[in-house]
């Protein structure tokens, strides 16, 4: 379980019932990438923030330090972006 960390460069909006969220969270954990996890079950108002970022209601929404984002990314999408940003 990752708690909010001021050094994190990535924010992930997700929910524990979401299979794609669980997969993406596991991937970030396994890669050792720092990120802030926003639990939309615990913080339902944050869903509006995620929707404003992505323009969609799908999750997870992963926001990167360069202000780009992915919605429901594949593991390959996430890994490619992390490499592009030299985070892995």
Protein backbone atom coordinates (compact mmCIF):
# COMPACT_ATOMS: atom_id res chain seq x y z
CA UNK A 1 0.00 0.00 0.00
CA UNK A 2 1.43 3.35 -1.00
CA UNK A 3 0.66 6.44 0.99
CA UNK A 4 0.84 9.95 -0.44
CA UNK A 5 4.44 11.05 -0.68
CA UNK A 6 5.59 14.58 -1.41
CA UNK A 7 8.42 13.22 -3.58
CA UNK A 8 6.05 11.31 -5.85
CA UNK A 9 5.97 12.45 -9.44
CA UNK A 10 2.96 10.42 -10.56
CA UNK A 11 -0.64 10.49 -9.40
CA UNK A 12 -2.91 7.52 -9.96
CA UNK A 13 -6.68 7.79 -9.52
CA UNK A 14 -8.26 4.39 -8.96
CA UNK A 15 -10.45 2.09 -6.87
CA UNK A 16 -9.87 -1.26 -5.19
CA UNK A 17 -12.72 -2.89 -7.16
CA UNK A 18 -11.15 -1.95 -10.51
CA UNK A 19 -9.05 -4.73 -12.08
CA UNK A 20 -7.11 -2.32 -14.32
CA UNK A 21 -6.36 -0.16 -11.27
CA UNK A 22 -5.08 -3.16 -9.32
CA UNK A 23 -2.88 -4.19 -12.27
CA UNK A 24 -1.42 -0.70 -12.80
CA UNK A 25 -0.83 -0.18 -9.08
CA UNK A 26 0.97 -3.55 -8.88
CA UNK A 27 3.12 -2.60 -11.87
CA UNK A 28 4.16 0.74 -10.34
CA UNK A 29 4.92 -0.99 -7.02
CA UNK A 30 7.01 -3.69 -8.72
CA UNK A 31 8.96 -1.07 -10.68
CA UNK A 32 9.62 0.88 -7.48
CA UNK A 33 8.15 4.07 -8.91
CA UNK A 34 6.97 6.68 -6.39
CA UNK A 35 3.36 7.73 -6.88
CA UNK A 36 0.40 9.17 -5.03
CA UNK A 37 -2.63 6.87 -5.05
CA UNK A 38 -6.01 8.58 -4.89
CA UNK A 39 -8.64 6.07 -3.76
CA UNK A 40 -11.89 7.15 -5.39
CA UNK A 41 -13.91 5.02 -2.96
CA UNK A 42 -12.42 6.83 0.04
CA UNK A 43 -12.42 10.20 -1.76
CA UNK A 44 -15.43 10.23 -4.11
CA UNK A 45 -15.00 13.95 -4.85
CA UNK A 46 -11.64 13.14 -6.46
CA UNK A 47 -13.54 11.36 -9.25
CA UNK A 48 -14.46 14.82 -10.54
CA UNK A 49 -10.76 15.73 -10.64
CA UNK A 50 -9.93 12.53 -12.55
CA UNK A 51 -12.78 13.23 -14.99
CA UNK A 52 -11.56 16.83 -15.52
CA UNK A 53 -8.08 15.52 -16.33
CA UNK A 54 -9.14 12.72 -18.66
CA UNK A 55 -12.48 13.90 -20.01
CA UNK A 56 -13.77 10.39 -19.24
CA UNK A 57 -15.13 8.42 -16.31
CA UNK A 58 -12.84 5.41 -16.91
CA UNK A 59 -10.16 4.51 -14.37
CA UNK A 60 -7.34 4.26 -13.63
CA UNK A 61 -6.17 7.72 -14.63
CA UNK A 62 -2.39 7.97 -14.35
CA UNK A 63 -0.99 11.51 -14.42
CA UNK A 64 2.71 11.92 -15.17
CA UNK A 65 5.13 14.69 -14.14
CA UNK A 66 5.05 16.18 -17.66
CA UNK A 67 1.27 16.72 -17.22
CA UNK A 68 0.37 14.00 -19.71
CA UNK A 69 -1.92 11.18 -18.64
CA UNK A 70 -3.15 7.72 -19.51
CA UNK A 71 -6.66 6.36 -19.01
CA UNK A 72 -6.89 2.58 -18.56
CA UNK A 73 -3.31 2.12 -19.79
CA UNK A 74 -1.78 -1.23 -20.63
CA UNK A 75 1.36 -2.25 -18.76
CA UNK A 76 3.30 -1.57 -21.98
CA UNK A 77 1.87 1.99 -22.16
CA UNK A 78 2.91 2.71 -18.57
CA UNK A 79 6.37 1.19 -18.98
CA UNK A 80 6.99 3.09 -22.22
CA UNK A 81 5.99 6.40 -20.62
CA UNK A 82 8.12 5.78 -17.51
CA UNK A 83 11.12 5.04 -19.74
CA UNK A 84 10.45 8.16 -21.82
CA UNK A 85 10.52 10.22 -18.60
CA UNK A 86 13.62 8.33 -17.33
CA UNK A 87 11.73 7.20 -14.21
CA UNK A 88 12.80 3.56 -14.72
